[in-house]
C-alpha atoms as a PDB file:
ATOM      1  CA  MET A   1      21.504  -5.656  -2.719  1.00  0.00           C
ATOM      2  CA  GLY A   2      18.422  -7.599  -3.733  1.00  0.00           C
ATOM      3  CA  VAL A   3      14.778  -6.762  -3.296  1.00  0.00           C
ATOM      4  CA  ILE A   4      13.418  -6.542   0.242  1.00  0.00           C
ATOM      5  CA  SER A   5       9.846  -5.659   1.122  1.00  0.00           C
ATOM      6  CA  TRP A   6       8.023  -4.956   4.350  1.00  0.00           C
ATOM      7  CA  ARG A   7       4.684  -3.672   5.603  1.00  0.00           C
ATOM      8  CA  LEU A   8       3.760  -1.014   8.116  1.00  0.00           C
ATOM      9  CA  GLN A   9       0.267  -1.196   9.558  1.00  0.00           C
ATOM     10  CA  THR A  10      -1.855   1.148  11.638  1.00  0.00           C
ATOM     11  CA  ARG A  11      -5.566   0.914  12.386  1.00  0.00           C
ATOM     12  CA  ARG A  12      -6.435   2.366   8.986  1.00  0.00           C
ATOM     13  CA  LEU A  13      -3.426   2.029   6.757  1.00  0.00           C
ATOM     14  CA  VAL A  14      -1.180  -0.702   5.404  1.00  0.00           C
ATOM     15  CA  LEU A  15       1.931   0.608   3.667  1.00  0.00           C
ATOM     16  CA  GLU A  16       4.190  -1.707   1.717  1.00  0.00           C
ATOM     17  CA  ALA A  17       7.679  -0.741   0.584  1.00  0.00           C
ATOM     18  CA  ILE A  18      10.249  -2.512  -1.577  1.00  0.00           C
ATOM     19  CA  ASN A  19      13.974  -1.769  -1.578  1.00  0.00           C
ATOM     20  CA  LEU A  20      15.095  -1.899  -5.199  1.00  0.00           C
ATOM     21  CA  SER A  21      18.402  -3.177  -6.558  1.00  0.00           C
ATOM     22  CA  LEU A  22      20.221   0.199  -6.443  1.00  0.00           C
ATOM     23  CA  GLN A  23      20.823   1.088  -2.813  1.00  0.00           C
ATOM     24  CA  GLY A  24      18.507   3.805  -1.548  1.00  0.00           C
ATOM     25  CA  LEU A  25      15.791   3.485  -4.175  1.00  0.00           C
ATOM     26  CA  MET A  26      12.407   2.405  -2.836  1.00  0.00           C
ATOM     27  CA  LEU A  27       9.032   1.546  -4.380  1.00  0.00           C
ATOM     28  CA  ILE A  28       6.199   2.453  -2.004  1.00  0.00           C
ATOM     29  CA  LYS A  29       2.751   0.900  -2.282  1.00  0.00           C
ATOM     30  CA  PRO A  30       0.090   2.743  -0.263  1.00  0.00           C
ATOM     31  CA  LYS A  31      -3.159   1.049   0.640  1.00  0.00           C
ATOM     32  CA  VAL A  32      -5.967   2.151  -1.689  1.00  0.00           C
ATOM     33  CA  PHE A  33      -9.535   1.973  -0.333  1.00  0.00           C
ATOM     34  CA  LYS A  34     -11.979   1.493  -3.223  1.00  0.00           C
ATOM     35  CA  ASP A  35     -15.745   1.276  -3.430  1.00  0.00           C
ATOM     36  CA  HIS A  36     -18.560   2.191  -5.840  1.00  0.00           C
ATOM     37  CA  ARG A  37     -17.853   5.919  -5.324  1.00  0.00           C
ATOM     38  CA  GLY A  38     -14.192   5.760  -6.261  1.00  0.00           C
ATOM     39  CA  PHE A  39     -11.171   5.490  -3.983  1.00  0.00           C
ATOM     40  CA  PHE A  40      -9.278   7.066  -1.084  1.00  0.00           C
ATOM     41  CA  LEU A  41      -5.614   6.820  -0.119  1.00  0.00           C
ATOM     42  CA  GLU A  42      -3.151   8.568   2.139  1.00  0.00           C
ATOM     43  CA  SER A  43      -0.391   9.743  -0.184  1.00  0.00           C
ATOM     44  CA  PHE A  44       1.985  10.772   2.599  1.00  0.00           C
ATOM     45  CA  GLN A  45       2.265  10.496   6.362  1.00  0.00           C
ATOM     46  CA  GLN A  46       5.610  11.644   7.708  1.00  0.00           C
ATOM     47  CA  SER A  47       5.799   9.351  10.736  1.00  0.00           C
ATOM     48  CA  LEU A  48       5.186   6.223   8.647  1.00  0.00           C
ATOM     49  CA  TYR A  49       7.715   7.221   6.013  1.00  0.00           C
ATOM     50  CA  GLU A  50      10.272   7.814   8.739  1.00  0.00           C
ATOM     51  CA  LYS A  51       9.738   4.211   9.860  1.00  0.00           C
ATOM     52  CA  LEU A  52      10.678   3.163   6.336  1.00  0.00           C
ATOM     53  CA  GLY A  53      13.973   5.028   6.774  1.00  0.00           C
ATOM     54  CA  ILE A  54      12.939   8.098   4.760  1.00  0.00           C
ATOM     55  CA  LEU A  55      14.144  10.721   7.234  1.00  0.00           C
ATOM     56  CA  CYS A  56      14.585  13.780   5.028  1.00  0.00           C
ATOM     57  CA  PRO A  57      12.068  16.602   5.357  1.00  0.00           C
ATOM     58  CA  PHE A  58       9.973  17.447   2.299  1.00  0.00           C
ATOM     59  CA  VAL A  59       9.682  21.187   1.777  1.00  0.00           C
ATOM     60  CA  GLN A  60       8.181  21.614  -1.703  1.00  0.00           C
ATOM     61  CA  ASP A  61       5.541  19.878  -3.856  1.00  0.00           C
ATOM     62  CA  ASN A  62       5.767  19.989  -7.666  1.00  0.00           C
ATOM     63  CA  HIS A  63       3.233  19.123 -10.373  1.00  0.00           C
ATOM     64  CA  SER A  64       4.141  18.509 -14.008  1.00  0.00           C
ATOM     65  CA  PHE A  65       1.866  17.812 -16.977  1.00  0.00           C
ATOM     66  CA  SER A  66       3.210  16.021 -20.049  1.00  0.00           C
ATOM     67  CA  ARG A  67       1.868  14.338 -23.165  1.00  0.00           C
ATOM     68  CA  GLN A  68       2.504  10.852 -24.547  1.00  0.00           C
ATOM     69  CA  GLY A  69       6.041  10.204 -25.740  1.00  0.00           C
ATOM     70  CA  CYS A  70       7.517  13.080 -23.743  1.00  0.00           C
ATOM     71  CA  ILE A  71      10.805  12.363 -21.966  1.00  0.00           C
ATOM     72  CA  ARG A  72      11.926  14.694 -19.191  1.00  0.00           C
ATOM     73  CA  GLY A  73      15.419  14.058 -17.888  1.00  0.00           C
ATOM     74  CA  MET A  74      17.922  13.406 -16.650  1.00  0.00           C
ATOM     75  CA  HIS A  75      17.783  16.051 -13.914  1.00  0.00           C
ATOM     76  CA  PHE A  76      19.241  16.596 -10.453  1.00  0.00           C
ATOM     77  CA  GLN A  77      20.165  19.388  -8.054  1.00  0.00           C
ATOM     78  CA  SER A  78      23.826  19.356  -7.101  1.00  0.00           C
ATOM     79  CA  CYS A  79      23.936  21.232  -3.785  1.00  0.00           C
ATOM     80  CA  PRO A  80      22.812  20.224  -1.236  1.00  0.00           C
ATOM     81  CA  GLY A  81      21.067  17.595  -3.351  1.00  0.00           C
ATOM     82  CA  GLN A  82      17.388  16.818  -3.591  1.00  0.00           C
ATOM     83  CA  ALA A  83      15.515  13.670  -2.559  1.00  0.00           C
ATOM     84  CA  LYS A  84      12.164  13.014  -4.236  1.00  0.00           C
ATOM     85  CA  ILE A  85       8.974  11.007  -3.837  1.00  0.00           C
ATOM     86  CA  ILE A  86       7.313  10.639  -7.244  1.00  0.00           C
ATOM     87  CA  ARG A  87       3.726   9.582  -7.936  1.00  0.00           C
ATOM     88  CA  VAL A  88       1.230   9.869 -10.779  1.00  0.00           C
ATOM     89  CA  ALA A  89      -2.215  11.430 -10.298  1.00  0.00           C
ATOM     90  CA  VAL A  90      -3.369  10.881 -13.896  1.00  0.00           C
ATOM     91  CA  GLY A  91      -1.827   8.627 -16.520  1.00  0.00           C
ATOM     92  CA  LYS A  92       1.168   6.308 -16.636  1.00  0.00           C
ATOM     93  CA  ILE A  93       4.925   6.882 -16.777  1.00  0.00           C
ATOM     94  CA  TYR A  94       8.190   4.978 -17.015  1.00  0.00           C
ATOM     95  CA  ASP A  95      10.178   6.535 -14.167  1.00  0.00           C
ATOM     96  CA  VAL A  96      13.972   6.320 -14.099  1.00  0.00           C
ATOM     97  CA  ALA A  97      16.699   7.011 -11.543  1.00  0.00           C
ATOM     98  CA  VAL A  98      20.441   6.973 -12.321  1.00  0.00           C
ATOM     99  CA  ASP A  99      23.081   6.589  -9.612  1.00  0.00           C
ATOM    100  CA  ILE A 100      25.454   9.591  -9.789  1.00  0.00           C
ATOM    101  CA  ARG A 101      27.109   9.179  -6.384  1.00  0.00           C
ATOM    102  CA  PRO A 102      30.825   9.581  -7.182  1.00  0.00           C
ATOM    103  CA  HIS A 103      32.143   6.677  -5.109  1.00  0.00           C
ATOM    104  CA  SER A 104      29.192   4.346  -5.544  1.00  0.00           C
ATOM    105  CA  ALA A 105      29.871   0.840  -6.841  1.00  0.00           C
ATOM    106  CA  THR A 106      26.790   1.298  -9.048  1.00  0.00           C
ATOM    107  CA  TYR A 107      27.725   4.750 -10.414  1.00  0.00           C
ATOM    108  CA  GLY A 108      26.086   5.311 -13.808  1.00  0.00           C
ATOM    109  CA  GLN A 109      23.632   2.435 -13.418  1.00  0.00           C
ATOM    110  CA  TRP A 110      19.903   3.007 -13.715  1.00  0.00           C
ATOM    111  CA  GLU A 111      16.653   1.533 -12.486  1.00  0.00           C
ATOM    112  CA  ALA A 112      13.110   2.090 -13.736  1.00  0.00           C
ATOM    113  CA  VAL A 113       9.610   1.555 -12.358  1.00  0.00           C
ATOM    114  CA  ILE A 114       6.120   2.001 -13.762  1.00  0.00           C
ATOM    115  CA  LEU A 115       3.970   4.569 -11.939  1.00  0.00           C
ATOM    116  CA  ASP A 116       0.309   5.076 -12.785  1.00  0.00           C
ATOM    117  CA  ASP A 117      -3.097   6.203 -11.546  1.00  0.00           C
ATOM    118  CA  GLN A 118      -4.293   2.633 -10.957  1.00  0.00           C
ATOM    119  CA  THR A 119      -1.769   1.253  -8.457  1.00  0.00           C
ATOM    120  CA  HIS A 120      -0.793   4.700  -7.026  1.00  0.00           C
ATOM    121  CA  GLN A 121       2.698   3.408  -6.320  1.00  0.00           C
ATOM    122  CA  GLN A 122       5.391   5.921  -5.389  1.00  0.00           C
ATOM    123  CA  PHE A 123       9.095   6.045  -6.183  1.00  0.00           C
ATOM    124  CA  PHE A 124      11.464   7.320  -3.487  1.00  0.00           C
ATOM    125  CA  ILE A 125      14.717   8.654  -4.947  1.00  0.00           C
ATOM    126  CA  PRO A 126      17.340   9.795  -2.406  1.00  0.00           C
ATOM    127  CA  ILE A 127      20.012  12.439  -2.885  1.00  0.00           C
ATOM    128  CA  GLY A 128      22.706  11.221  -5.270  1.00  0.00           C
ATOM    129  CA  PHE A 129      20.464  10.135  -8.143  1.00  0.00           C
ATOM    130  CA  ALA A 130      19.374  11.843 -11.349  1.00  0.00           C
ATOM    131  CA  HIS A 131      15.704  11.525 -12.300  1.00  0.00           C
ATOM    132  CA  GLY A 132      13.726  11.382 -15.509  1.00  0.00           C
ATOM    133  CA  PHE A 133      10.555   9.890 -16.926  1.00  0.00           C
ATOM    134  CA  CYS A 134       8.748   8.980 -20.127  1.00  0.00           C
ATOM    135  CA  VAL A 135       4.971   9.341 -20.547  1.00  0.00           C
ATOM    136  CA  LEU A 136       3.268   6.104 -21.662  1.00  0.00           C
ATOM    137  CA  SER A 137      -0.362   7.295 -21.553  1.00  0.00           C
ATOM    138  CA  PRO A 138      -2.026  10.012 -23.689  1.00  0.00           C
ATOM    139  CA  GLU A 139      -1.166  12.473 -20.920  1.00  0.00           C
ATOM    140  CA  ALA A 140       0.198  12.355 -17.385  1.00  0.00           C
ATOM    141  CA  HIS A 141       0.073  14.498 -14.276  1.00  0.00           C
ATOM    142  CA  VAL A 142       3.170  13.745 -12.196  1.00  0.00           C
ATOM    143  CA  LEU A 143       3.374  14.902  -8.572  1.00  0.00           C
ATOM    144  CA  TYR A 144       6.561  14.913  -6.567  1.00  0.00           C
ATOM    145  CA  LYS A 145       7.713  15.965  -3.155  1.00  0.00           C
ATOM    146  CA  VAL A 146      11.273  17.297  -2.853  1.00  0.00           C
ATOM    147  CA  SER A 147      13.547  17.679   0.151  1.00  0.00           C
ATOM    148  CA  THR A 148      15.058  21.047  -0.806  1.00  0.00           C
ATOM    149  CA  PRO A 149      13.583  23.998  -2.704  1.00  0.00           C
ATOM    150  CA  TYR A 150      14.387  24.384  -6.375  1.00  0.00           C
ATOM    151  CA  ASP A 151      17.494  26.514  -6.915  1.00  0.00           C
ATOM    152  CA  PRO A 152      18.465  27.340 -10.530  1.00  0.00           C
ATOM    153  CA  LYS A 153      22.110  27.864  -9.505  1.00  0.00           C
ATOM    154  CA  TYR A 154      22.429  24.161  -8.723  1.00  0.00           C
ATOM    155  CA  GLU A 155      20.168  22.716 -11.390  1.00  0.00           C
ATOM    156  CA  LYS A 156      22.060  20.066 -13.393  1.00  0.00           C
ATOM    157  CA  GLY A 157      21.309  17.431 -15.952  1.00  0.00           C
ATOM    158  CA  PHE A 158      22.746  15.065 -18.526  1.00  0.00           C
ATOM    159  CA  ARG A 159      21.564  13.593 -21.791  1.00  0.00           C
ATOM    160  CA  TRP A 160      18.536  11.306 -21.657  1.00  0.00           C
ATOM    161  CA  ASP A 161      20.193   9.158 -24.366  1.00  0.00           C
ATOM    162  CA  ASP A 162      23.722   9.067 -22.932  1.00  0.00           C
ATOM    163  CA  PRO A 163      25.176   5.889 -24.505  1.00  0.00           C
ATOM    164  CA  ASN A 164      27.314   5.130 -21.454  1.00  0.00           C
ATOM    165  CA  VAL A 165      24.235   5.082 -19.220  1.00  0.00           C
ATOM    166  CA  ASN A 166      22.137   3.353 -21.913  1.00  0.00           C
ATOM    167  CA  ILE A 167      18.639   3.781 -20.491  1.00  0.00           C
ATOM    168  CA  LYS A 168      16.143   1.600 -22.366  1.00  0.00           C
ATOM    169  CA  TRP A 169      13.379   4.119 -22.975  1.00  0.00           C
ATOM    170  CA  PRO A 170      10.077   2.564 -24.124  1.00  0.00           C
ATOM    171  CA  VAL A 171       9.431   5.096 -26.897  1.00  0.00           C
ATOM    172  CA  GLU A 172      10.640   5.217 -30.493  1.00  0.00           C
ATOM    173  CA  TYR A 173      10.166   8.918 -31.253  1.00  0.00           C
ATOM    174  CA  PRO A 174      10.439  10.847 -27.972  1.00  0.00           C
ATOM    175  CA  VAL A 175       9.392  14.457 -27.481  1.00  0.00           C
ATOM    176  CA  ILE A 176      12.342  16.268 -25.867  1.00  0.00           C
ATOM    177  CA  SER A 177      12.840  19.872 -24.762  1.00  0.00           C
ATOM    178  CA  GLU A 178      15.663  21.849 -26.353  1.00  0.00           C
ATOM    179  CA  ARG A 179      17.384  22.096 -22.983  1.00  0.00           C
ATOM    180  CA  ASP A 180      17.352  18.333 -22.420  1.00  0.00           C
ATOM    181  CA  GLN A 181      18.449  17.698 -26.008  1.00  0.00           C
ATOM    182  CA  GLN A 182      21.501  19.927 -25.522  1.00  0.00           C
ATOM    183  CA  ALA A 183      22.471  18.650 -22.064  1.00  0.00           C
ATOM    184  CA  PRO A 184      26.001  17.270 -21.626  1.00  0.00           C
ATOM    185  CA  PHE A 185      26.804  13.601 -21.237  1.00  0.00           C
ATOM    186  CA  LEU A 186      27.240  12.307 -17.701  1.00  0.00           C
ATOM    187  CA  HIS A 187      31.042  12.082 -17.966  1.00  0.00           C
ATOM    188  CA  GLU A 188      31.154  15.734 -19.090  1.00  0.00           C
ATOM    189  CA  ILE A 189      29.407  17.148 -16.036  1.00  0.00           C
ATOM    190  CA  GLY A 190      32.641  17.266 -14.048  1.00  0.00           C
ATOM    191  CA  GLN A 191      33.615  16.425 -10.513  1.00  0.00           C
ATOM    192  CA  LEU A 192      30.497  16.060  -8.378  1.00  0.00           C
ATOM    193  CA  GLU A 193      32.232  14.962  -5.196  1.00  0.00           C
ATOM    194  CA  GLY A 194      31.468  17.357  -2.368  1.00  0.00           C
ATOM    195  CA  LYS A 195      28.288  18.497  -4.089  1.00  0.00           C
ATOM    196  CA  ILE A 196      26.375  15.214  -4.166  1.00  0.00           C
ATOM    197  CA  LYS A 197      26.589  13.172  -0.996  1.00  0.00           C
END
């Protein structure tokens, strides 16, 4: 698909967005206003994000704290699916999305971006992708908006080190939860058609 970028501008805000190589993924770069006191940014404005083509409503905000070397992933919600906007308030992460749309030409392929508390970039991940991240800084506070509430009945995941997906994680000795360590491989999850659209 290639990388395409554009800018949206109002009187106070310039918002830049880049379409990444896997269709639907987007890197969002909000304008950060800095001075001797610190900085200010608008982390979300619905009308502007709609102009970028992000039309899903966001109904829940989540906050996770993790330490260096931690990998969380690869997670998704199967029904009705869950779009996300990820950003980092403190620290730095390697953020990954894997295409799990059943009929996608890029099924099983992954893309990664760096998110941190310096650039304040955001990663939009639509429904049909699994998500995970690795903490690169001593600690990280990760904030994400989701389009549907968490529902444990539809919580799914696959192995962070699935050899068929082959994500190149930038850590030699990752810290992994027992649940993520025991997750199935992607091909073992079963038929997702009709659950992920």
